[in-house]
C-alpha atoms as a PDB file:
ATOM      1  CA  PRO A   1     -17.698   5.748  15.882  1.00  0.00           C
ATOM      2  CA  ASP A   2     -20.678   3.783  17.166  1.00  0.00           C
ATOM      3  CA  LEU A   3     -21.894   0.717  15.277  1.00  0.00           C
ATOM      4  CA  THR A   4     -25.653   0.449  14.799  1.00  0.00           C
ATOM      5  CA  GLY A   5     -27.664  -1.920  12.657  1.00  0.00           C
ATOM      6  CA  HIS A   6     -30.004  -4.862  12.448  1.00  0.00           C
ATOM      7  CA  GLU A   7     -29.828  -8.493  11.391  1.00  0.00           C
ATOM      8  CA  LYS A   8     -32.616 -10.885  10.485  1.00  0.00           C
ATOM      9  CA  PHE A   9     -32.613 -14.097  12.529  1.00  0.00           C
ATOM     10  CA  GLY A  10     -35.302 -16.762  12.375  1.00  0.00           C
ATOM     11  CA  LEU A  11     -38.517 -15.153  13.594  1.00  0.00           C
ATOM     12  CA  GLY A  12     -37.516 -11.509  13.519  1.00  0.00           C
ATOM     13  CA  ASN A  13     -34.976  -8.736  13.452  1.00  0.00           C
ATOM     14  CA  VAL A  14     -32.301  -8.104  16.040  1.00  0.00           C
ATOM     15  CA  LYS A  15     -31.390  -4.437  16.404  1.00  0.00           C
ATOM     16  CA  TYR A  16     -27.991  -3.697  17.920  1.00  0.00           C
ATOM     17  CA  ASN A  17     -25.901  -0.756  18.988  1.00  0.00           C
ATOM     18  CA  ILE A  18     -22.234  -0.815  20.018  1.00  0.00           C
ATOM     19  CA  SER A  19     -21.050   2.457  21.529  1.00  0.00           C
ATOM     20  CA  ARG A  20     -18.218   4.010  23.547  1.00  0.00           C
ATOM     21  CA  ILE A  21     -15.670   1.872  21.736  1.00  0.00           C
ATOM     22  CA  HIS A  22     -12.226   2.309  23.308  1.00  0.00           C
ATOM     23  CA  VAL A  23      -8.964   0.599  22.437  1.00  0.00           C
ATOM     24  CA  THR A  24      -7.504  -0.167  25.862  1.00  0.00           C
ATOM     25  CA  ALA A  25      -4.385  -2.140  24.917  1.00  0.00           C
ATOM     26  CA  VAL A  26      -2.160  -2.704  21.881  1.00  0.00           C
ATOM     27  CA  GLU A  27       0.865  -4.975  21.900  1.00  0.00           C
ATOM     28  CA  LEU A  28       3.362  -5.100  19.021  1.00  0.00           C
ATOM     29  CA  PRO A  29       5.998  -7.602  20.175  1.00  0.00           C
ATOM     30  CA  SER A  30       7.467  -8.010  16.692  1.00  0.00           C
ATOM     31  CA  ALA A  31       7.510  -5.153  14.186  1.00  0.00           C
ATOM     32  CA  SER A  32       9.927  -4.222  11.443  1.00  0.00           C
ATOM     33  CA  ILE A  33      10.219  -1.658   8.665  1.00  0.00           C
ATOM     34  CA  SER A  34      12.431  -2.197   5.642  1.00  0.00           C
ATOM     35  CA  LEU A  35      13.161  -0.192   2.518  1.00  0.00           C
ATOM     36  CA  LEU A  36      12.303  -1.677  -0.861  1.00  0.00           C
ATOM     37  CA  PRO A  37      14.867  -0.147  -3.231  1.00  0.00           C
ATOM     38  CA  GLY A  38      13.255   2.004  -5.886  1.00  0.00           C
ATOM     39  CA  SER A  39       9.687   1.287  -4.799  1.00  0.00           C
ATOM     40  CA  GLY A  40       8.833   1.964  -1.181  1.00  0.00           C
ATOM     41  CA  ILE A  41       8.583   0.653   2.342  1.00  0.00           C
ATOM     42  CA  LYS A  42       7.549  -2.718   3.793  1.00  0.00           C
ATOM     43  CA  LEU A  43       5.976  -2.909   7.265  1.00  0.00           C
ATOM     44  CA  VAL A  44       5.690  -6.294   8.991  1.00  0.00           C
ATOM     45  CA  ILE A  45       3.938  -6.749  12.348  1.00  0.00           C
ATOM     46  CA  GLY A  46       3.898 -10.189  13.949  1.00  0.00           C
ATOM     47  CA  ASN A  47       1.977 -11.718  16.832  1.00  0.00           C
ATOM     48  CA  ALA A  48       0.263  -8.460  17.780  1.00  0.00           C
ATOM     49  CA  SER A  49      -2.782  -8.168  20.041  1.00  0.00           C
ATOM     50  CA  LEU A  50      -5.537  -5.634  20.640  1.00  0.00           C
ATOM     51  CA  THR A  51      -8.109  -5.200  23.422  1.00  0.00           C
ATOM     52  CA  ILE A  52     -11.292  -3.145  22.972  1.00  0.00           C
ATOM     53  CA  ASP A  53     -13.904  -2.185  25.598  1.00  0.00           C
ATOM     54  CA  MET A  54     -17.434  -1.120  24.632  1.00  0.00           C
ATOM     55  CA  ASN A  55     -21.063  -0.694  25.614  1.00  0.00           C
ATOM     56  CA  TRP A  56     -23.616  -2.805  23.758  1.00  0.00           C
ATOM     57  CA  ASN A  57     -27.357  -3.249  23.558  1.00  0.00           C
ATOM     58  CA  ILE A  58     -29.656  -5.479  21.549  1.00  0.00           C
ATOM     59  CA  ARG A  59     -33.397  -5.456  21.048  1.00  0.00           C
ATOM     60  CA  THR A  60     -35.791  -8.008  19.534  1.00  0.00           C
ATOM     61  CA  TRP A  61     -39.558  -8.288  19.587  1.00  0.00           C
ATOM     62  CA  MET A  62     -39.200 -10.639  22.599  1.00  0.00           C
ATOM     63  CA  PHE A  63     -36.514  -9.057  24.768  1.00  0.00           C
ATOM     64  CA  LYS A  64     -33.863  -6.415  25.127  1.00  0.00           C
ATOM     65  CA  ASP A  65     -30.531  -6.436  26.916  1.00  0.00           C
ATOM     66  CA  SER A  66     -27.498  -4.206  27.346  1.00  0.00           C
ATOM     67  CA  GLY A  67     -24.181  -4.114  29.125  1.00  0.00           C
ATOM     68  CA  ARG A  68     -20.404  -3.831  28.770  1.00  0.00           C
ATOM     69  CA  GLY A  69     -18.174  -5.937  26.578  1.00  0.00           C
ATOM     70  CA  THR A  70     -14.529  -6.680  25.917  1.00  0.00           C
ATOM     71  CA  VAL A  71     -13.016  -7.993  22.697  1.00  0.00           C
ATOM     72  CA  HIS A  72      -9.465  -9.362  22.702  1.00  0.00           C
ATOM     73  CA  ILE A  73      -7.894 -10.105  19.317  1.00  0.00           C
ATOM     74  CA  SER A  74      -4.560 -11.943  19.348  1.00  0.00           C
ATOM     75  CA  LYS A  75      -2.097 -13.559  16.958  1.00  0.00           C
ATOM     76  CA  VAL A  76      -2.505 -10.659  14.524  1.00  0.00           C
ATOM     77  CA  PHE A  77      -0.094 -10.539  11.586  1.00  0.00           C
ATOM     78  CA  VAL A  78       0.110  -7.583   9.181  1.00  0.00           C
ATOM     79  CA  THR A  79       2.216  -7.086   6.068  1.00  0.00           C
ATOM     80  CA  ALA A  80       1.836  -3.727   4.314  1.00  0.00           C
ATOM     81  CA  ILE A  81       3.670  -2.297   1.317  1.00  0.00           C
ATOM     82  CA  PHE A  82       3.777   1.471   0.846  1.00  0.00           C
ATOM     83  CA  SER A  83       4.944   3.123  -2.359  1.00  0.00           C
ATOM     84  CA  THR A  84       6.697   6.457  -2.237  1.00  0.00           C
ATOM     85  CA  THR A  85       7.336   9.162  -4.773  1.00  0.00           C
ATOM     86  CA  LEU A  86      10.499  11.136  -4.414  1.00  0.00           C
ATOM     87  CA  ASP A  87      11.022  14.052  -6.757  1.00  0.00           C
ATOM     88  CA  ASN A  88      12.258  17.598  -6.510  1.00  0.00           C
ATOM     89  CA  ILE A  89       8.980  19.092  -7.748  1.00  0.00           C
ATOM     90  CA  GLY A  90       6.582  18.635  -4.847  1.00  0.00           C
ATOM     91  CA  PRO A  91       6.135  16.997  -1.478  1.00  0.00           C
ATOM     92  CA  THR A  92       6.843  13.309  -0.995  1.00  0.00           C
ATOM     93  CA  SER A  93       3.695  11.190  -1.145  1.00  0.00           C
ATOM     94  CA  ILE A  94       3.109   7.777   0.387  1.00  0.00           C
ATOM     95  CA  SER A  95       0.321   5.424  -0.664  1.00  0.00           C
ATOM     96  CA  LEU A  96      -0.688   1.953   0.464  1.00  0.00           C
ATOM     97  CA  THR A  97       0.014  -0.531  -2.333  1.00  0.00           C
ATOM     98  CA  SER A  98      -0.957  -3.775  -0.597  1.00  0.00           C
ATOM     99  CA  CYS A  99      -1.978  -4.965   2.837  1.00  0.00           C
ATOM    100  CA  ARG A 100      -2.531  -8.445   4.226  1.00  0.00           C
ATOM    101  CA  THR A 101      -3.855  -9.069   7.739  1.00  0.00           C
ATOM    102  CA  THR A 102      -4.695 -12.282   9.573  1.00  0.00           C
ATOM    103  CA  SER A 103      -5.837 -12.885  13.134  1.00  0.00           C
ATOM    104  CA  GLY A 104      -5.691 -16.129  15.073  1.00  0.00           C
ATOM    105  CA  ASP A 105      -7.940 -15.769  18.111  1.00  0.00           C
ATOM    106  CA  ILE A 106     -10.871 -13.529  19.000  1.00  0.00           C
ATOM    107  CA  ASP A 107     -12.263 -13.646  22.541  1.00  0.00           C
ATOM    108  CA  ILE A 108     -15.551 -11.785  23.160  1.00  0.00           C
ATOM    109  CA  LYS A 109     -16.944 -11.289  26.667  1.00  0.00           C
ATOM    110  CA  LEU A 110     -20.350  -9.667  27.110  1.00  0.00           C
ATOM    111  CA  ASN A 111     -21.688  -8.713  30.532  1.00  0.00           C
ATOM    112  CA  GLY A 112     -25.353  -7.805  30.644  1.00  0.00           C
ATOM    113  CA  LYS A 113     -28.511  -7.902  32.687  1.00  0.00           C
ATOM    114  CA  SER A 114     -29.721 -11.278  31.381  1.00  0.00           C
END
């Protein structure tokens, strides 16, 4: 979905819109899934990266600008624990019990008219 909003900076508001958000690359060089006896599943992803392309525009009382942008997030680490219910009564359900995510580097490139 598009991201639209405004922020107050110094002398006025900055209105922004980020649209046409597309994930163009995902790398998962290290990923593992392990069973936690009697409780669920553990997912560990290490050193992942993600690249996103988008359109952007901003508007203030003084100027407006728009263009294309790329965001590259790297050194992403995720640890997630899922609990499962196994019984003979109904379908198996899986729920997220805990999740921890960290990212090391974020590189943002904006190309616009100004």
